[in-house]
C-alpha atoms as a PDB file:
ATOM      1  CA  VAL A   1       0.000   0.000   0.000  1.00  0.00           C
ATOM      2  CA  ALA A   2       2.771   2.420   0.927  1.00  0.00           C
ATOM      3  CA  ALA A   3       4.441   1.811  -2.427  1.00  0.00           C
ATOM      4  CA  LEU A   4       1.261   2.895  -4.162  1.00  0.00           C
ATOM      5  CA  GLU A   5       0.632   5.902  -1.912  1.00  0.00           C
ATOM      6  CA  VAL A   6       4.044   7.503  -2.408  1.00  0.00           C
ATOM      7  CA  PRO A   7       3.718   8.009  -6.192  1.00  0.00           C
ATOM      8  CA  ALA A   8       0.163   9.271  -5.748  1.00  0.00           C
ATOM      9  CA  THR A   9       1.301  11.775  -3.130  1.00  0.00           C
ATOM     10  CA  ALA A  10       4.215  12.863  -5.311  1.00  0.00           C
ATOM     11  CA  ALA A  11       1.888  13.345  -8.282  1.00  0.00           C
ATOM     12  CA  ALA A  12      -0.496  15.430  -6.181  1.00  0.00           C
ATOM     13  CA  ALA A  13       2.400  17.579  -4.963  1.00  0.00           C
ATOM     14  CA  ALA A  14       3.612  18.047  -8.539  1.00  0.00           C
ATOM     15  CA  ASP A  15       0.125  19.110  -9.657  1.00  0.00           C
ATOM     16  CA  GLN A  16      -0.063  21.564  -6.770  1.00  0.00           C
ATOM     17  CA  ASP A  17       3.332  23.049  -7.658  1.00  0.00           C
ATOM     18  CA  ALA A  18       2.302  23.350 -11.314  1.00  0.00           C
ATOM     19  CA  GLY A  19      -0.904  25.104 -10.296  1.00  0.00           C
ATOM     20  CA  ALA A  20       0.945  27.538  -8.056  1.00  0.00           C
ATOM     21  CA  GLU A  21       3.402  28.298 -10.878  1.00  0.00           C
ATOM     22  CA  LEU A  22       0.516  29.018 -13.292  1.00  0.00           C
ATOM     23  CA  ALA A  23      -1.138  31.279 -10.741  1.00  0.00           C
ATOM     24  CA  LYS A  24       2.184  33.088 -10.302  1.00  0.00           C
ATOM     25  CA  GLN A  25       2.460  33.561 -14.081  1.00  0.00           C
ATOM     26  CA  LEU A  26      -1.080  34.934 -14.154  1.00  0.00           C
ATOM     27  CA  ALA A  27      -0.011  37.632 -11.679  1.00  0.00           C
ATOM     28  CA  ASN A  28       2.573  38.752 -14.260  1.00  0.00           C
ATOM     29  CA  PRO A  29       0.903  40.995 -16.915  1.00  0.00           C
ATOM     30  CA  ILE A  30       3.523  40.039 -19.535  1.00  0.00           C
ATOM     31  CA  ALA A  31       4.090  36.367 -18.767  1.00  0.00           C
ATOM     32  CA  SER A  32       4.684  34.074 -21.730  1.00  0.00           C
ATOM     33  CA  LEU A  33       1.258  32.549 -21.207  1.00  0.00           C
ATOM     34  CA  ILE A  34      -1.890  32.726 -23.317  1.00  0.00           C
ATOM     35  CA  SER A  35      -4.791  33.761 -21.103  1.00  0.00           C
ATOM     36  CA  VAL A  36      -8.327  34.966 -21.786  1.00  0.00           C
ATOM     37  CA  PRO A  37      -9.908  36.786 -18.835  1.00  0.00           C
ATOM     38  CA  PHE A  38     -13.590  37.730 -18.738  1.00  0.00           C
ATOM     39  CA  LYS A  39     -13.882  40.448 -16.090  1.00  0.00           C
ATOM     40  CA  LEU A  40     -17.291  41.759 -15.022  1.00  0.00           C
ATOM     41  CA  ASN A  41     -17.141  45.076 -13.157  1.00  0.00           C
ATOM     42  CA  TRP A  42     -20.084  46.566 -11.297  1.00  0.00           C
ATOM     43  CA  ASP A  43     -19.900  50.195 -10.177  1.00  0.00           C
ATOM     44  CA  THR A  44     -22.643  51.929  -8.238  1.00  0.00           C
ATOM     45  CA  SER A  45     -23.807  55.266  -6.783  1.00  0.00           C
ATOM     46  CA  ILE A  46     -23.094  57.106 -10.034  1.00  0.00           C
ATOM     47  CA  GLY A  47     -24.482  60.634 -10.383  1.00  0.00           C
ATOM     48  CA  PRO A  48     -27.632  62.138  -8.817  1.00  0.00           C
ATOM     49  CA  ALA A  49     -29.621  59.028  -9.815  1.00  0.00           C
ATOM     50  CA  ASN A  50     -27.253  56.687  -7.886  1.00  0.00           C
ATOM     51  CA  ALA A  51     -27.000  54.679 -11.092  1.00  0.00           C
ATOM     52  CA  ASP A  52     -25.286  51.346 -11.716  1.00  0.00           C
ATOM     53  CA  ARG A  53     -22.839  50.533 -14.491  1.00  0.00           C
ATOM     54  CA  TYR A  54     -21.823  47.052 -15.628  1.00  0.00           C
ATOM     55  CA  THR A  55     -18.711  46.559 -17.764  1.00  0.00           C
ATOM     56  CA  LEU A  56     -17.652  43.183 -19.138  1.00  0.00           C
ATOM     57  CA  ASN A  57     -14.017  43.358 -20.241  1.00  0.00           C
ATOM     58  CA  VAL A  58     -12.734  40.581 -22.497  1.00  0.00           C
ATOM     59  CA  GLN A  59      -8.950  40.826 -22.110  1.00  0.00           C
ATOM     60  CA  PRO A  60      -6.976  38.274 -24.160  1.00  0.00           C
ATOM     61  CA  VAL A  61      -3.214  38.157 -23.566  1.00  0.00           C
ATOM     62  CA  ILE A  62      -1.211  36.539 -26.368  1.00  0.00           C
ATOM     63  CA  PRO A  63       2.601  36.196 -26.294  1.00  0.00           C
ATOM     64  CA  VAL A  64       4.553  35.821 -29.537  1.00  0.00           C
ATOM     65  CA  SER A  65       8.197  34.755 -29.636  1.00  0.00           C
ATOM     66  CA  ILE A  66      10.165  37.155 -31.850  1.00  0.00           C
ATOM     67  CA  ASN A  67      13.555  35.493 -31.433  1.00  0.00           C
ATOM     68  CA  ARG A  68      15.573  33.647 -28.800  1.00  0.00           C
ATOM     69  CA  ASP A  69      15.772  36.745 -26.583  1.00  0.00           C
ATOM     70  CA  TRP A  70      12.515  38.693 -27.034  1.00  0.00           C
ATOM     71  CA  ASN A  71       8.758  38.232 -26.786  1.00  0.00           C
ATOM     72  CA  LEU A  72       5.977  40.450 -28.092  1.00  0.00           C
ATOM     73  CA  ILE A  73       3.031  40.438 -25.674  1.00  0.00           C
ATOM     74  CA  SER A  74      -0.354  41.531 -27.018  1.00  0.00           C
ATOM     75  CA  ARG A  75      -2.858  42.712 -24.390  1.00  0.00           C
ATOM     76  CA  THR A  76      -6.323  43.719 -25.608  1.00  0.00           C
ATOM     77  CA  ILE A  77      -9.251  45.128 -23.630  1.00  0.00           C
ATOM     78  CA  VAL A  78     -12.646  44.804 -25.330  1.00  0.00           C
ATOM     79  CA  PRO A  79     -15.346  46.397 -23.125  1.00  0.00           C
ATOM     80  CA  PHE A  80     -19.072  45.736 -23.247  1.00  0.00           C
ATOM     81  CA  VAL A  81     -20.984  48.349 -21.239  1.00  0.00           C
ATOM     82  CA  ASP A  82     -24.464  48.461 -19.740  1.00  0.00           C
ATOM     83  CA  ALA A  83     -25.069  51.751 -17.943  1.00  0.00           C
ATOM     84  CA  GLN A  84     -28.065  53.282 -16.250  1.00  0.00           C
ATOM     85  CA  SER A  85     -28.504  57.012 -16.659  1.00  0.00           C
ATOM     86  CA  PRO A  86     -26.622  58.971 -13.986  1.00  0.00           C
ATOM     87  CA  VAL A  87     -29.409  61.594 -13.963  1.00  0.00           C
ATOM     88  CA  PRO A  88     -33.103  60.962 -13.293  1.00  0.00           C
ATOM     89  CA  GLY A  89     -35.089  60.547 -16.510  1.00  0.00           C
ATOM     90  CA  GLY A  90     -32.022  59.909 -18.680  1.00  0.00           C
ATOM     91  CA  SER A  91     -31.624  57.053 -21.129  1.00  0.00           C
ATOM     92  CA  HIS A  92     -30.156  53.617 -20.397  1.00  0.00           C
ATOM     93  CA  GLU A  93     -27.143  52.943 -22.649  1.00  0.00           C
ATOM     94  CA  SER A  94     -25.455  49.673 -23.601  1.00  0.00           C
ATOM     95  CA  GLY A  95     -23.134  48.270 -26.249  1.00  0.00           C
ATOM     96  CA  LEU A  96     -19.505  47.811 -27.244  1.00  0.00           C
ATOM     97  CA  GLY A  97     -17.079  50.389 -25.868  1.00  0.00           C
ATOM     98  CA  ASP A  98     -13.743  51.653 -27.178  1.00  0.00           C
ATOM     99  CA  ILE A  99     -11.064  48.943 -27.543  1.00  0.00           C
ATOM    100  CA  LEU A 100      -7.603  49.430 -26.025  1.00  0.00           C
ATOM    101  CA  GLN A 101      -4.715  47.509 -27.639  1.00  0.00           C
ATOM    102  CA  SER A 102      -1.299  47.331 -25.968  1.00  0.00           C
ATOM    103  CA  LEU A 103       1.904  45.728 -27.300  1.00  0.00           C
ATOM    104  CA  PHE A 104       4.864  45.023 -25.025  1.00  0.00           C
ATOM    105  CA  PHE A 105       8.333  44.113 -26.297  1.00  0.00           C
ATOM    106  CA  SER A 106       9.779  42.128 -23.410  1.00  0.00           C
ATOM    107  CA  PRO A 107      13.088  40.270 -22.874  1.00  0.00           C
ATOM    108  CA  LYS A 108      12.543  36.560 -22.227  1.00  0.00           C
ATOM    109  CA  ALA A 109      15.043  36.591 -19.359  1.00  0.00           C
ATOM    110  CA  PRO A 110      14.780  38.866 -16.296  1.00  0.00           C
ATOM    111  CA  THR A 111      17.499  41.409 -15.604  1.00  0.00           C
ATOM    112  CA  ALA A 112      20.466  40.523 -13.401  1.00  0.00           C
ATOM    113  CA  GLY A 113      18.497  41.974 -10.495  1.00  0.00           C
ATOM    114  CA  GLY A 114      15.475  39.784 -11.266  1.00  0.00           C
ATOM    115  CA  TRP A 115      13.274  42.476 -12.792  1.00  0.00           C
ATOM    116  CA  ILE A 116      10.858  41.659 -15.611  1.00  0.00           C
ATOM    117  CA  TRP A 117       9.957  44.501 -17.938  1.00  0.00           C
ATOM    118  CA  GLY A 118       8.271  45.351 -21.207  1.00  0.00           C
ATOM    119  CA  ALA A 119       7.471  48.469 -23.210  1.00  0.00           C
ATOM    120  CA  GLY A 120       5.764  49.426 -26.449  1.00  0.00           C
ATOM    121  CA  PRO A 121       2.823  51.276 -27.983  1.00  0.00           C
ATOM    122  CA  VAL A 122      -0.813  51.481 -26.898  1.00  0.00           C
ATOM    123  CA  LEU A 123      -3.664  52.230 -29.326  1.00  0.00           C
ATOM    124  CA  LEU A 124      -7.209  53.384 -28.553  1.00  0.00           C
ATOM    125  CA  LEU A 125      -9.779  52.391 -31.177  1.00  0.00           C
ATOM    126  CA  PRO A 126     -13.092  54.302 -31.490  1.00  0.00           C
ATOM    127  CA  SER A 127     -15.047  51.053 -31.704  1.00  0.00           C
ATOM    128  CA  ALA A 128     -17.990  52.023 -29.503  1.00  0.00           C
ATOM    129  CA  SER A 129     -21.382  51.042 -30.887  1.00  0.00           C
ATOM    130  CA  ASN A 130     -22.951  54.012 -29.078  1.00  0.00           C
ATOM    131  CA  ASP A 131     -21.447  57.491 -28.854  1.00  0.00           C
ATOM    132  CA  ALA A 132     -22.686  57.756 -25.250  1.00  0.00           C
ATOM    133  CA  ILE A 133     -20.221  55.056 -24.132  1.00  0.00           C
ATOM    134  CA  GLY A 134     -17.292  55.933 -26.400  1.00  0.00           C
ATOM    135  CA  GLY A 135     -15.053  58.899 -27.049  1.00  0.00           C
ATOM    136  CA  GLU A 136     -15.219  58.775 -30.884  1.00  0.00           C
ATOM    137  CA  LYS A 137     -11.476  59.454 -30.936  1.00  0.00           C
ATOM    138  CA  TRP A 138      -8.426  57.569 -32.164  1.00  0.00           C
ATOM    139  CA  GLY A 139      -5.670  57.602 -29.579  1.00  0.00           C
ATOM    140  CA  ALA A 140      -2.105  56.361 -29.161  1.00  0.00           C
ATOM    141  CA  GLY A 141       0.864  56.590 -26.840  1.00  0.00           C
ATOM    142  CA  PRO A 142       3.492  54.623 -24.902  1.00  0.00           C
ATOM    143  CA  THR A 143       2.985  51.851 -22.367  1.00  0.00           C
ATOM    144  CA  ALA A 144       5.398  50.072 -20.025  1.00  0.00           C
ATOM    145  CA  VAL A 145       5.423  47.567 -17.185  1.00  0.00           C
ATOM    146  CA  MET A 146       8.063  46.519 -14.668  1.00  0.00           C
ATOM    147  CA  LEU A 147       7.748  43.870 -11.952  1.00  0.00           C
ATOM    148  CA  LYS A 148       9.605  41.429  -9.768  1.00  0.00           C
ATOM    149  CA  GLN A 149       8.605  37.999  -8.466  1.00  0.00           C
ATOM    150  CA  ALA A 150      10.163  36.301  -5.418  1.00  0.00           C
ATOM    151  CA  ASP A 151       8.978  33.905  -2.697  1.00  0.00           C
ATOM    152  CA  GLY A 152       5.373  34.007  -3.897  1.00  0.00           C
ATOM    153  CA  TRP A 153       5.287  37.808  -4.095  1.00  0.00           C
ATOM    154  CA  THR A 154       4.696  39.807  -7.265  1.00  0.00           C
ATOM    155  CA  TYR A 155       5.084  43.576  -7.185  1.00  0.00           C
ATOM    156  CA  GLY A 156       5.476  46.271  -9.796  1.00  0.00           C
ATOM    157  CA  ALA A 157       3.555  48.759 -11.894  1.00  0.00           C
ATOM    158  CA  LEU A 158       1.979  49.142 -15.317  1.00  0.00           C
ATOM    159  CA  ALA A 159       1.466  52.537 -16.957  1.00  0.00           C
ATOM    160  CA  ASN A 160       0.384  54.104 -20.214  1.00  0.00           C
ATOM    161  CA  HIS A 161      -0.530  57.466 -21.658  1.00  0.00           C
ATOM    162  CA  VAL A 162      -3.000  58.017 -24.475  1.00  0.00           C
ATOM    163  CA  TRP A 163      -3.332  61.144 -26.614  1.00  0.00           C
ATOM    164  CA  SER A 164      -6.097  61.464 -29.194  1.00  0.00           C
ATOM    165  CA  PHE A 165      -4.908  62.280 -32.727  1.00  0.00           C
ATOM    166  CA  ALA A 166      -8.015  61.872 -34.902  1.00  0.00           C
ATOM    167  CA  GLY A 167     -11.753  61.385 -34.708  1.00  0.00           C
ATOM    168  CA  SER A 168     -14.895  63.445 -34.264  1.00  0.00           C
ATOM    169  CA  SER A 169     -14.184  67.172 -33.968  1.00  0.00           C
ATOM    170  CA  ASN A 170     -17.304  67.500 -31.833  1.00  0.00           C
ATOM    171  CA  ARG A 171     -15.861  65.367 -29.040  1.00  0.00           C
ATOM    172  CA  ALA A 172     -13.334  66.333 -26.389  1.00  0.00           C
ATOM    173  CA  ASP A 173      -9.673  65.547 -27.004  1.00  0.00           C
ATOM    174  CA  ILE A 174      -8.088  62.805 -24.919  1.00  0.00           C
ATOM    175  CA  SER A 175      -4.931  63.116 -22.832  1.00  0.00           C
ATOM    176  CA  ALA A 176      -5.010  60.513 -20.074  1.00  0.00           C
ATOM    177  CA  THR A 177      -2.405  58.749 -17.953  1.00  0.00           C
ATOM    178  CA  PHE A 178      -3.132  55.300 -16.520  1.00  0.00           C
ATOM    179  CA  LEU A 179      -1.131  54.050 -13.498  1.00  0.00           C
ATOM    180  CA  GLN A 180      -1.502  50.575 -11.996  1.00  0.00           C
ATOM    181  CA  PRO A 181       0.884  49.736  -9.154  1.00  0.00           C
ATOM    182  CA  PHE A 182       0.199  46.210  -7.912  1.00  0.00           C
ATOM    183  CA  LEU A 183       1.139  43.838  -5.105  1.00  0.00           C
ATOM    184  CA  ALA A 184       0.165  40.147  -5.118  1.00  0.00           C
ATOM    185  CA  TYR A 185       0.943  37.068  -3.070  1.00  0.00           C
ATOM    186  CA  THR A 186       0.442  33.536  -4.442  1.00  0.00           C
ATOM    187  CA  THR A 187       0.247  30.610  -2.021  1.00  0.00           C
ATOM    188  CA  LYS A 188       1.385  27.045  -2.641  1.00  0.00           C
ATOM    189  CA  THR A 189      -2.280  26.115  -3.156  1.00  0.00           C
ATOM    190  CA  ALA A 190      -2.572  28.544  -6.131  1.00  0.00           C
ATOM    191  CA  THR A 191      -4.562  31.161  -4.237  1.00  0.00           C
ATOM    192  CA  THR A 192      -3.558  34.743  -5.061  1.00  0.00           C
ATOM    193  CA  TYR A 193      -4.320  37.850  -3.001  1.00  0.00           C
ATOM    194  CA  THR A 194      -3.945  41.118  -4.922  1.00  0.00           C
ATOM    195  CA  LEU A 195      -3.975  44.793  -4.001  1.00  0.00           C
ATOM    196  CA  ASN A 196      -3.751  47.416  -6.741  1.00  0.00           C
ATOM    197  CA  THR A 197      -5.039  50.704  -8.016  1.00  0.00           C
ATOM    198  CA  GLU A 198      -6.177  51.448 -11.571  1.00  0.00           C
ATOM    199  CA  SER A 199      -5.718  55.197 -11.440  1.00  0.00           C
ATOM    200  CA  THR A 200      -6.404  57.527 -14.342  1.00  0.00           C
ATOM    201  CA  TYR A 201      -5.428  61.187 -14.590  1.00  0.00           C
ATOM    202  CA  ASP A 202      -7.346  63.290 -17.118  1.00  0.00           C
ATOM    203  CA  TRP A 203      -4.948  66.078 -18.107  1.00  0.00           C
ATOM    204  CA  ASN A 204      -7.624  68.083 -19.894  1.00  0.00           C
ATOM    205  CA  ALA A 205      -9.976  68.109 -16.910  1.00  0.00           C
ATOM    206  CA  ASP A 206      -7.136  68.119 -14.318  1.00  0.00           C
ATOM    207  CA  ARG A 207      -8.853  65.280 -12.478  1.00  0.00           C
ATOM    208  CA  TRP A 208      -7.958  61.914 -10.909  1.00  0.00           C
ATOM    209  CA  THR A 209     -10.011  58.730 -10.742  1.00  0.00           C
ATOM    210  CA  VAL A 210      -8.473  56.355  -8.185  1.00  0.00           C
ATOM    211  CA  PRO A 211     -10.154  53.022  -7.403  1.00  0.00           C
ATOM    212  CA  ILE A 212      -8.383  50.852  -4.827  1.00  0.00           C
ATOM    213  CA  ASN A 213      -8.945  47.168  -5.619  1.00  0.00           C
ATOM    214  CA  LEU A 214      -8.622  44.176  -3.305  1.00  0.00           C
ATOM    215  CA  SER A 215      -9.180  40.727  -4.802  1.00  0.00           C
ATOM    216  CA  VAL A 216      -8.640  37.026  -4.204  1.00  0.00           C
ATOM    217  CA  SER A 217      -8.338  34.400  -6.938  1.00  0.00           C
ATOM    218  CA  GLN A 218      -8.121  30.630  -7.057  1.00  0.00           C
ATOM    219  CA  LEU A 219      -6.715  28.484  -9.845  1.00  0.00           C
ATOM    220  CA  VAL A 220      -8.548  25.198 -10.472  1.00  0.00           C
ATOM    221  CA  ARG A 221      -8.582  22.578 -13.225  1.00  0.00           C
ATOM    222  CA  PHE A 222     -11.460  21.128 -15.178  1.00  0.00           C
ATOM    223  CA  GLY A 223      -9.802  18.065 -16.628  1.00  0.00           C
ATOM    224  CA  ARG A 224      -6.667  19.490 -18.215  1.00  0.00           C
ATOM    225  CA  GLN A 225      -8.063  23.023 -18.563  1.00  0.00           C
ATOM    226  CA  PRO A 226      -6.747  25.455 -15.927  1.00  0.00           C
ATOM    227  CA  VAL A 227      -9.191  28.220 -14.993  1.00  0.00           C
ATOM    228  CA  SER A 228      -8.830  31.044 -12.493  1.00  0.00           C
ATOM    229  CA  PHE A 229     -11.780  32.519 -10.586  1.00  0.00           C
ATOM    230  CA  ALA A 230     -11.361  35.898  -8.901  1.00  0.00           C
ATOM    231  CA  PHE A 231     -13.592  38.114  -6.785  1.00  0.00           C
ATOM    232  CA  GLY A 232     -12.770  41.697  -5.935  1.00  0.00           C
ATOM    233  CA  VAL A 233     -14.094  44.763  -4.165  1.00  0.00           C
ATOM    234  CA  ARG A 234     -13.060  48.369  -4.723  1.00  0.00           C
ATOM    235  CA  GLY A 235     -13.598  51.784  -3.247  1.00  0.00           C
ATOM    236  CA  TYR A 236     -12.828  55.099  -4.919  1.00  0.00           C
ATOM    237  CA  SER A 237     -10.427  57.275  -2.947  1.00  0.00           C
ATOM    238  CA  GLU A 238     -10.650  59.926  -5.678  1.00  0.00           C
ATOM    239  CA  ARG A 239     -13.352  60.338  -8.310  1.00  0.00           C
ATOM    240  CA  PRO A 240     -14.746  63.026 -10.607  1.00  0.00           C
ATOM    241  CA  PRO A 241     -18.050  64.672  -9.695  1.00  0.00           C
ATOM    242  CA  GLY A 242     -20.813  62.127 -10.233  1.00  0.00           C
ATOM    243  CA  GLY A 243     -18.357  59.243 -10.410  1.00  0.00           C
ATOM    244  CA  PRO A 244     -18.961  55.851  -8.763  1.00  0.00           C
ATOM    245  CA  ASP A 245     -18.554  55.388  -5.040  1.00  0.00           C
ATOM    246  CA  TRP A 246     -17.641  51.691  -4.905  1.00  0.00           C
ATOM    247  CA  GLY A 247     -17.909  48.482  -6.891  1.00  0.00           C
ATOM    248  CA  LEU A 248     -17.346  44.740  -7.225  1.00  0.00           C
ATOM    249  CA  SER A 249     -15.686  42.535  -9.824  1.00  0.00           C
ATOM    250  CA  LEU A 250     -15.860  38.896 -10.872  1.00  0.00           C
ATOM    251  CA  THR A 251     -13.236  37.455 -13.224  1.00  0.00           C
ATOM    252  CA  VAL A 252     -13.046  34.093 -14.967  1.00  0.00           C
ATOM    253  CA  THR A 253      -9.722  33.485 -16.749  1.00  0.00           C
ATOM    254  CA  PHE A 254      -8.984  30.605 -19.102  1.00  0.00           C
ATOM    255  CA  LEU A 255      -5.274  29.723 -19.305  1.00  0.00           C
ATOM    256  CA  PHE A 256      -3.527  27.963 -22.176  1.00  0.00           C
ATOM    257  CA  PRO A 257       0.005  27.042 -21.049  1.00  0.00           C
ATOM    258  CA  LYS A 258       2.455  25.800 -23.657  1.00  0.00           C
END
């Protein structure tokens, strides 16, 4: 019996280690790992009507090997929005929002100090199906990320800046900086606890939007398919007039390791 139990225990330990490693890769925004997150955000207490807004972000991450030393990481955010009117008597709006496409050129090996980094362009596409939930502007700019992973911890920051350069002359120009410092801890059982902000500074309006997000995720397997489930809560430490007060998020991520 003991001879049979040892291999089974070893196999279970190996599966656990593999799961923890996948969860650790998922905490890295530019890991060489194909992943497809579906993130549903709910924000509430918007405007005088205390309205709700639901946003489903489909966020595929696709790494491409350029050569023996470099990867190109494609990160896309495709938002689907359903928003109540923030003012009493206003119209309910829903549809596809503006798509954000980021490309990171990233070395395959960390630096001598263990840092992982990537940088490249970001492009804003005026893809919204409804002008009430889109800016009707083309935008572009730089994006970069830097992080370090050690002893289960992942910490770093992602940033971009988007300027509008074309689009409807009747809509406001865009000049916005996005900052996302993050701190995550992944356990040996593939549970990850994450604290981050997804702050945006609107240079034209001279205004910050600063949600503070706390989430927990768990990696599981359905047969051979690894899937991560995450739940999060956020509060806004800074918001524009009429902006949301707090919100929740639910994320389901399908992973496709090589």
